């Protein structure tokens, strides 16, 4: 019947490299395996931006 096979594309987490399942929508990509890693990435980016400013 052509149902969902459960095979979703994965890509590695930008922090730890763990495979992260990607949602079906083309326009949205998950880069991190957890909220903690996403938060850490935002914090690191903010620090780099701050240092760049000085």
PDB file of N, CA and C in Angstrom:
ATOM      1  N   UNK A   1       0.803  -1.197   0.000  1.00  0.00           N
ATOM      2  CA  UNK A   1       0.000   0.000   0.000  1.00  0.00           C
ATOM      3  C   UNK A   1       0.852   1.270   0.000  1.00  0.00           C
ATOM      4  N   UNK A   2       2.177   1.103   0.052  1.00  0.00           N
ATOM      5  CA  UNK A   2       3.064   2.260  -0.038  1.00  0.00           C
ATOM      6  C   UNK A   2       3.057   3.141   1.190  1.00  0.00           C
ATOM      7  N   UNK A   3       2.951   2.529   2.373  1.00  0.00           N
ATOM      8  CA  UNK A   3       2.933   3.319   3.609  1.00  0.00           C
ATOM      9  C   UNK A   3       4.325   3.798   4.000  1.00  0.00           C
ATOM     10  N   UNK A   4       4.402   4.414   5.164  1.00  0.00           N
ATOM     11  CA  UNK A   4       5.676   4.928   5.669  1.00  0.00           C
ATOM     12  C   UNK A   4       6.560   3.757   6.085  1.00  0.00           C
ATOM     13  N   UNK A   5       7.750   3.696   5.525  1.00  0.00           N
ATOM     14  CA  UNK A   5       8.660   2.592   5.840  1.00  0.00           C
ATOM     15  C   UNK A   5       9.452   2.869   7.106  1.00  0.00           C
ATOM     16  N   UNK A   6       9.410   4.106   7.604  1.00  0.00           N
ATOM     17  CA  UNK A   6      10.167   4.444   8.804  1.00  0.00           C
ATOM     18  C   UNK A   6      11.596   4.839   8.517  1.00  0.00           C
ATOM     19  N   UNK A   7      11.991   4.821   7.251  1.00  0.00           N
ATOM     20  CA  UNK A   7      13.360   5.207   6.895  1.00  0.00           C
ATOM     21  C   UNK A   7      13.425   6.712   6.701  1.00  0.00           C
ATOM     22  N   UNK A   8      13.988   7.387   7.680  1.00  0.00           N
ATOM     23  CA  UNK A   8      14.143   8.835   7.564  1.00  0.00           C
ATOM     24  C   UNK A   8      15.612   9.148   7.368  1.00  0.00           C
ATOM     25  N   UNK A   9      15.899  10.155   6.587  1.00  0.00           N
ATOM     26  CA  UNK A   9      17.308  10.522   6.424  1.00  0.00           C
ATOM     27  C   UNK A   9      17.887  11.025   7.742  1.00  0.00           C
ATOM     28  N   UNK A  10      19.146  10.748   7.952  1.00  0.00           N
ATOM     29  CA  UNK A  10      19.806  11.236   9.168  1.00  0.00           C
ATOM     30  C   UNK A  10      21.019  12.061   8.780  1.00  0.00           C
ATOM     31  N   UNK A  11      21.405  12.937   9.679  1.00  0.00           N
ATOM     32  CA  UNK A  11      22.657  13.680   9.514  1.00  0.00           C
ATOM     33  C   UNK A  11      23.287  13.805  10.887  1.00  0.00           C
ATOM     34  N   UNK A  12      24.605  13.895  10.959  1.00  0.00           N
ATOM     35  CA  UNK A  12      25.266  13.906  12.270  1.00  0.00           C
ATOM     36  C   UNK A  12      25.017  15.203  13.040  1.00  0.00           C
ATOM     37  N   UNK A  13      24.899  15.069  14.356  1.00  0.00           N
ATOM     38  CA  UNK A  13      24.803  16.230  15.244  1.00  0.00           C
ATOM     39  C   UNK A  13      26.076  17.054  15.097  1.00  0.00           C
ATOM     40  N   UNK A  14      25.940  18.383  15.046  1.00  0.00           N
ATOM     41  CA  UNK A  14      27.112  19.238  14.844  1.00  0.00           C
ATOM     42  C   UNK A  14      28.059  19.222  16.037  1.00  0.00           C
ATOM     43  N   UNK A  15      27.562  18.789  17.221  1.00  0.00           N
ATOM     44  CA  UNK A  15      28.427  18.759  18.395  1.00  0.00           C
ATOM     45  C   UNK A  15      29.070  17.400  18.621  1.00  0.00           C
ATOM     46  N   UNK A  16      28.241  16.337  18.570  1.00  0.00           N
ATOM     47  CA  UNK A  16      28.786  15.036  18.979  1.00  0.00           C
ATOM     48  C   UNK A  16      28.796  14.001  17.863  1.00  0.00           C
ATOM     49  N   UNK A  17      28.185  14.310  16.708  1.00  0.00           N
ATOM     50  CA  UNK A  17      28.239  13.385  15.585  1.00  0.00           C
ATOM     51  C   UNK A  17      27.228  12.254  15.624  1.00  0.00           C
ATOM     52  N   UNK A  18      26.344  12.252  16.620  1.00  0.00           N
ATOM     53  CA  UNK A  18      25.307  11.219  16.699  1.00  0.00           C
ATOM     54  C   UNK A  18      24.316  11.427  15.555  1.00  0.00           C
ATOM     55  N   UNK A  19      23.907  10.366  14.862  1.00  0.00           N
ATOM     56  CA  UNK A  19      22.942  10.541  13.771  1.00  0.00           C
ATOM     57  C   UNK A  19      21.613  11.107  14.282  1.00  0.00           C
ATOM     58  N   UNK A  20      21.145  12.166  13.645  1.00  0.00           N
ATOM     59  CA  UNK A  20      19.899  12.825  14.039  1.00  0.00           C
ATOM     60  C   UNK A  20      18.871  12.612  12.939  1.00  0.00           C
ATOM     61  N   UNK A  21      17.711  12.061  13.303  1.00  0.00           N
ATOM     62  CA  UNK A  21      16.641  11.875  12.312  1.00  0.00           C
ATOM     63  C   UNK A  21      16.150  13.226  11.838  1.00  0.00           C
ATOM     64  N   UNK A  22      15.957  13.331  10.535  1.00  0.00           N
ATOM     65  CA  UNK A  22      15.482  14.590   9.962  1.00  0.00           C
ATOM     66  C   UNK A  22      13.968  14.533   9.775  1.00  0.00           C
ATOM     67  N   UNK A  23      13.289  15.651  10.068  1.00  0.00           N
ATOM     68  CA  UNK A  23      11.844  15.683   9.830  1.00  0.00           C
ATOM     69  C   UNK A  23      11.519  15.619   8.345  1.00  0.00           C
ATOM     70  N   UNK A  24      10.268  15.316   8.028  1.00  0.00           N
ATOM     71  CA  UNK A  24       9.886  15.123   6.631  1.00  0.00           C
ATOM     72  C   UNK A  24       9.974  16.392   5.799  1.00  0.00           C
ATOM     73  N   UNK A  25       9.681  17.545   6.395  1.00  0.00           N
ATOM     74  CA  UNK A  25       9.676  18.799   5.633  1.00  0.00           C
ATOM     75  C   UNK A  25      11.049  19.122   5.071  1.00  0.00           C
ATOM     76  N   UNK A  26      11.075  19.606   3.836  1.00  0.00           N
ATOM     77  CA  UNK A  26      12.358  19.911   3.191  1.00  0.00           C
ATOM     78  C   UNK A  26      13.027  21.121   3.802  1.00  0.00           C
ATOM     79  N   UNK A  27      12.229  22.070   4.267  1.00  0.00           N
ATOM     80  CA  UNK A  27      12.769  23.376   4.652  1.00  0.00           C
ATOM     81  C   UNK A  27      13.348  23.381   6.062  1.00  0.00           C
ATOM     82  N   UNK A  28      13.088  22.313   6.827  1.00  0.00           N
ATOM     83  CA  UNK A  28      13.571  22.316   8.204  1.00  0.00           C
ATOM     84  C   UNK A  28      14.597  21.217   8.406  1.00  0.00           C
ATOM     85  N   UNK A  29      15.741  21.569   8.932  1.00  0.00           N
ATOM     86  CA  UNK A  29      16.789  20.579   9.181  1.00  0.00           C
ATOM     87  C   UNK A  29      17.173  20.594  10.649  1.00  0.00           C
ATOM     88  N   UNK A  30      17.341  19.422  11.210  1.00  0.00           N
ATOM     89  CA  UNK A  30      17.809  19.325  12.592  1.00  0.00           C
ATOM     90  C   UNK A  30      19.312  19.163  12.585  1.00  0.00           C
ATOM     91  N   UNK A  31      19.992  20.030  13.295  1.00  0.00           N
ATOM     92  CA  UNK A  31      21.454  19.969  13.312  1.00  0.00           C
ATOM     93  C   UNK A  31      21.987  19.338  14.591  1.00  0.00           C
ATOM     94  N   UNK A  32      21.146  19.251  15.627  1.00  0.00           N
ATOM     95  CA  UNK A  32      21.624  18.793  16.930  1.00  0.00           C
ATOM     96  C   UNK A  32      20.754  17.667  17.464  1.00  0.00           C
ATOM     97  N   UNK A  33      21.353  16.801  18.276  1.00  0.00           N
ATOM     98  CA  UNK A  33      20.641  15.632  18.780  1.00  0.00           C
ATOM     99  C   UNK A  33      19.799  15.967  20.005  1.00  0.00           C
ATOM    100  N   UNK A  34      20.064  17.104  20.648  1.00  0.00           N
ATOM    101  CA  UNK A  34      19.342  17.432  21.872  1.00  0.00           C
ATOM    102  C   UNK A  34      19.236  18.938  22.050  1.00  0.00           C
ATOM    103  N   UNK A  35      18.336  19.345  22.939  1.00  0.00           N
ATOM    104  CA  UNK A  35      18.189  20.771  23.235  1.00  0.00           C
ATOM    105  C   UNK A  35      19.459  21.311  23.875  1.00  0.00           C
ATOM    106  N   UNK A  36      20.115  20.490  24.686  1.00  0.00           N
ATOM    107  CA  UNK A  36      21.335  20.944  25.355  1.00  0.00           C
ATOM    108  C   UNK A  36      22.398  21.328  24.328  1.00  0.00           C
ATOM    109  N   UNK A  37      22.543  20.520  23.297  1.00  0.00           N
ATOM    110  CA  UNK A  37      23.546  20.826  22.280  1.00  0.00           C
ATOM    111  C   UNK A  37      23.149  22.051  21.472  1.00  0.00           C
ATOM    112  N   UNK A  38      21.847  22.212  21.222  1.00  0.00           N
ATOM    113  CA  UNK A  38      21.402  23.394  20.491  1.00  0.00           C
ATOM    114  C   UNK A  38      21.672  24.653  21.313  1.00  0.00           C
ATOM    115  N   UNK A  39      21.394  24.551  22.614  1.00  0.00           N
ATOM    116  CA  UNK A  39      21.645  25.695  23.499  1.00  0.00           C
ATOM    117  C   UNK A  39      23.124  26.012  23.565  1.00  0.00           C
ATOM    118  N   UNK A  40      23.936  24.967  23.657  1.00  0.00           N
ATOM    119  CA  UNK A  40      25.385  25.166  23.730  1.00  0.00           C
ATOM    120  C   UNK A  40      25.871  25.868  22.467  1.00  0.00           C
ATOM    121  N   UNK A  41      25.342  25.453  21.324  1.00  0.00           N
ATOM    122  CA  UNK A  41      25.745  26.073  20.068  1.00  0.00           C
ATOM    123  C   UNK A  41      25.380  27.554  20.060  1.00  0.00           C
ATOM    124  N   UNK A  42      24.178  27.885  20.534  1.00  0.00           N
ATOM    125  CA  UNK A  42      23.763  29.295  20.566  1.00  0.00           C
ATOM    126  C   UNK A  42      24.647  30.095  21.504  1.00  0.00           C
ATOM    127  N   UNK A  43      25.023  29.511  22.640  1.00  0.00           N
ATOM    128  CA  UNK A  43      25.891  30.203  23.593  1.00  0.00           C
ATOM    129  C   UNK A  43      27.261  30.457  22.977  1.00  0.00           C
ATOM    130  N   UNK A  44      27.811  29.442  22.311  1.00  0.00           N
ATOM    131  CA  UNK A  44      29.123  29.582  21.680  1.00  0.00           C
ATOM    132  C   UNK A  44      29.071  30.642  20.588  1.00  0.00           C
ATOM    133  N   UNK A  45      28.012  30.632  19.791  1.00  0.00           N
ATOM    134  CA  UNK A  45      27.876  31.647  18.742  1.00  0.00           C
ATOM    135  C   UNK A  45      27.788  33.040  19.342  1.00  0.00           C
ATOM    136  N   UNK A  46      27.066  33.182  20.465  1.00  0.00           N
ATOM    137  CA  UNK A  46      26.947  34.485  21.116  1.00  0.00           C
ATOM    138  C   UNK A  46      28.308  34.963  21.611  1.00  0.00           C
ATOM    139  N   UNK A  47      29.104  34.055  22.168  1.00  0.00           N
ATOM    140  CA  UNK A  47      30.443  34.417  22.650  1.00  0.00           C
ATOM    141  C   UNK A  47      31.315  34.860  21.488  1.00  0.00           C
ATOM    142  N   UNK A  48      31.291  34.100  20.390  1.00  0.00           N
ATOM    143  CA  UNK A  48      32.097  34.483  19.220  1.00  0.00           C
ATOM    144  C   UNK A  48      31.670  35.851  18.697  1.00  0.00           C
ATOM    145  N   UNK A  49      30.363  36.091  18.677  1.00  0.00           N
ATOM    146  CA  UNK A  49      29.864  37.377  18.200  1.00  0.00           C
ATOM    147  C   UNK A  49      30.352  38.499  19.118  1.00  0.00           C
ATOM    148  N   UNK A  50      30.317  38.245  20.427  1.00  0.00           N
ATOM    149  CA  UNK A  50      30.765  39.235  21.408  1.00  0.00           C
ATOM    150  C   UNK A  50      32.251  39.534  21.225  1.00  0.00           C
ATOM    151  N   UNK A  51      33.054  38.473  21.061  1.00  0.00           N
ATOM    152  CA  UNK A  51      34.498  38.667  20.877  1.00  0.00           C
ATOM    153  C   UNK A  51      34.791  39.378  19.563  1.00  0.00           C
ATOM    154  N   UNK A  52      34.001  39.064  18.560  1.00  0.00           N
ATOM    155  CA  UNK A  52      34.164  39.708  17.264  1.00  0.00           C
ATOM    156  C   UNK A  52      33.876  41.203  17.368  1.00  0.00           C
ATOM    157  N   UNK A  53      32.930  41.537  18.237  1.00  0.00           N
ATOM    158  CA  UNK A  53      32.524  42.928  18.416  1.00  0.00           C
ATOM    159  C   UNK A  53      33.657  43.751  19.014  1.00  0.00           C
ATOM    160  N   UNK A  54      34.414  43.144  19.935  1.00  0.00           N
ATOM    161  CA  UNK A  54      35.495  43.886  20.600  1.00  0.00           C
ATOM    162  C   UNK A  54      36.684  43.993  19.708  1.00  0.00           C
TER     163      UNK A  54
END
